[in-house]
Amino acid sequence: MDNRNILYAVVGALVIAVGVLGYKVYQDNKKPQGLQINVGPDGLKIQNKSYA
């Protein structure tokens, strides 16, 4: 019976870890909002990024 409780705890921890990592990947890939300033070989570019 104790082994089953440990197994449930491990599976629960893995589910939580996958959820947290999935949310982090989502936040990292989300398009930015606001003002974007790029400096490159073509010069200075300022763009207003607004997504509705």
N, C-alpha and C. Protein backbone atom coordinates (compact mmCIF):
# COMPACT_ATOMS: atom_id res chain seq x y z
N MET A 1 0.81 -1.19 0.00
CA MET A 1 0.00 0.00 0.00
C MET A 1 0.86 1.26 0.00
N ASP A 2 1.97 1.28 0.68
CA ASP A 2 2.84 2.45 0.71
C ASP A 2 3.45 2.73 -0.65
N ASN A 3 3.78 1.67 -1.40
CA ASN A 3 4.36 1.86 -2.73
C ASN A 3 3.36 2.55 -3.66
N ARG A 4 2.08 2.26 -3.51
CA ARG A 4 1.07 2.88 -4.36
C ARG A 4 0.98 4.38 -4.06
N ASN A 5 1.06 4.76 -2.80
CA ASN A 5 1.01 6.18 -2.45
C ASN A 5 2.22 6.93 -3.00
N ILE A 6 3.38 6.29 -2.95
CA ILE A 6 4.58 6.91 -3.51
C ILE A 6 4.44 7.07 -5.01
N LEU A 7 3.87 6.08 -5.68
CA LEU A 7 3.66 6.15 -7.12
C LEU A 7 2.71 7.30 -7.46
N TYR A 8 1.62 7.46 -6.71
CA TYR A 8 0.69 8.55 -6.95
C TYR A 8 1.37 9.90 -6.74
N ALA A 9 2.21 10.01 -5.75
CA ALA A 9 2.93 11.26 -5.48
C ALA A 9 3.88 11.60 -6.63
N VAL A 10 4.59 10.59 -7.13
CA VAL A 10 5.52 10.81 -8.24
C VAL A 10 4.76 11.22 -9.50
N VAL A 11 3.67 10.54 -9.80
CA VAL A 11 2.87 10.88 -10.99
C VAL A 11 2.29 12.29 -10.84
N GLY A 12 1.80 12.63 -9.67
CA GLY A 12 1.28 13.98 -9.43
C GLY A 12 2.34 15.05 -9.63
N ALA A 13 3.54 14.79 -9.11
CA ALA A 13 4.64 15.75 -9.27
C ALA A 13 5.01 15.91 -10.74
N LEU A 14 4.99 14.84 -11.50
CA LEU A 14 5.31 14.92 -12.92
C LEU A 14 4.24 15.71 -13.68
N VAL A 15 2.99 15.51 -13.33
CA VAL A 15 1.91 16.26 -13.98
C VAL A 15 2.06 17.76 -13.70
N ILE A 16 2.36 18.11 -12.48
CA ILE A 16 2.56 19.51 -12.13
C ILE A 16 3.76 20.09 -12.87
N ALA A 17 4.86 19.34 -12.94
CA ALA A 17 6.06 19.81 -13.63
C ALA A 17 5.78 20.04 -15.12
N VAL A 18 5.05 19.13 -15.75
CA VAL A 18 4.71 19.29 -17.16
C VAL A 18 3.83 20.52 -17.36
N GLY A 19 2.89 20.75 -16.46
CA GLY A 19 2.04 21.94 -16.55
C GLY A 19 2.83 23.23 -16.42
N VAL A 20 3.74 23.28 -15.47
CA VAL A 20 4.56 24.48 -15.26
C VAL A 20 5.46 24.73 -16.47
N LEU A 21 6.10 23.69 -16.98
CA LEU A 21 6.97 23.85 -18.15
C LEU A 21 6.17 24.25 -19.39
N GLY A 22 4.99 23.68 -19.56
CA GLY A 22 4.14 24.05 -20.69
C GLY A 22 3.74 25.52 -20.63
N TYR A 23 3.40 26.01 -19.45
CA TYR A 23 3.04 27.42 -19.28
C TYR A 23 4.24 28.32 -19.58
N LYS A 24 5.43 27.91 -19.15
CA LYS A 24 6.63 28.70 -19.41
C LYS A 24 6.91 28.79 -20.91
N VAL A 25 6.78 27.67 -21.62
CA VAL A 25 6.99 27.68 -23.07
C VAL A 25 5.96 28.58 -23.75
N TYR A 26 4.71 28.52 -23.28
CA TYR A 26 3.66 29.38 -23.84
C TYR A 26 4.01 30.85 -23.64
N GLN A 27 4.44 31.23 -22.45
CA GLN A 27 4.79 32.62 -22.17
C GLN A 27 5.99 33.08 -23.00
N ASP A 28 6.97 32.19 -23.20
CA ASP A 28 8.15 32.55 -23.98
C ASP A 28 7.83 32.75 -25.46
N ASN A 29 6.84 32.03 -25.97
CA ASN A 29 6.50 32.10 -27.39
C ASN A 29 5.40 33.11 -27.70
N LYS A 30 4.82 33.72 -26.68
CA LYS A 30 3.75 34.68 -26.88
C LYS A 30 4.31 35.94 -27.54
N LYS A 31 3.56 36.48 -28.48
CA LYS A 31 4.04 37.67 -29.19
C LYS A 31 4.03 38.87 -28.25
N PRO A 32 5.05 39.69 -28.33
CA PRO A 32 5.14 40.85 -27.44
C PRO A 32 4.13 41.93 -27.82
N GLN A 33 3.71 42.69 -26.84
CA GLN A 33 2.84 43.83 -27.06
C GLN A 33 3.58 45.08 -26.66
N GLY A 34 3.25 46.18 -27.29
CA GLY A 34 3.86 47.45 -26.95
C GLY A 34 4.79 47.94 -28.03
N LEU A 35 5.79 48.64 -27.65
CA LEU A 35 6.72 49.27 -28.56
C LEU A 35 7.95 48.38 -28.73
N GLN A 36 8.34 48.19 -30.00
CA GLN A 36 9.53 47.38 -30.28
C GLN A 36 10.53 48.25 -31.02
N ILE A 37 11.77 48.28 -30.52
CA ILE A 37 12.83 49.07 -31.12
C ILE A 37 13.93 48.11 -31.57
N ASN A 38 14.26 48.15 -32.87
CA ASN A 38 15.30 47.29 -33.43
C ASN A 38 16.41 48.15 -34.00
N VAL A 39 17.65 47.80 -33.69
CA VAL A 39 18.81 48.46 -34.27
C VAL A 39 19.59 47.40 -35.02
N GLY A 40 19.76 47.61 -36.30
CA GLY A 40 20.45 46.62 -37.11
C GLY A 40 21.18 47.27 -38.27
N PRO A 41 21.59 46.46 -39.21
CA PRO A 41 22.35 47.00 -40.35
C PRO A 41 21.53 47.98 -41.20
N ASP A 42 20.21 47.87 -41.16
CA ASP A 42 19.36 48.78 -41.93
C ASP A 42 19.05 50.06 -41.18
N GLY A 43 19.54 50.19 -39.98
CA GLY A 43 19.31 51.39 -39.19
C GLY A 43 18.36 51.13 -38.03
N LEU A 44 17.73 52.19 -37.56
CA LEU A 44 16.85 52.13 -36.41
C LEU A 44 15.41 51.95 -36.89
N LYS A 45 14.70 50.96 -36.32
CA LYS A 45 13.30 50.72 -36.65
C LYS A 45 12.49 50.73 -35.36
N ILE A 46 11.42 51.50 -35.36
CA ILE A 46 10.50 51.55 -34.20
C ILE A 46 9.13 51.12 -34.69
N GLN A 47 8.57 50.09 -34.05
CA GLN A 47 7.28 49.55 -34.45
C GLN A 47 6.37 49.50 -33.25
N ASN A 48 5.09 49.81 -33.47
CA ASN A 48 4.08 49.69 -32.43
C ASN A 48 3.41 48.33 -32.60
N LYS A 49 3.55 47.45 -31.61
CA LYS A 49 2.98 46.11 -31.66
C LYS A 49 1.75 46.07 -30.78
N SER A 50 0.59 45.96 -31.39
CA SER A 50 -0.64 45.80 -30.60
C SER A 50 -1.46 44.68 -31.22
N TYR A 51 -1.71 43.67 -30.43
CA TYR A 51 -2.49 42.52 -30.86
C TYR A 51 -3.78 42.48 -30.07
N ALA A 52 -4.88 42.40 -30.78
CA ALA A 52 -6.17 42.35 -30.08
C ALA A 52 -6.72 40.95 -30.05
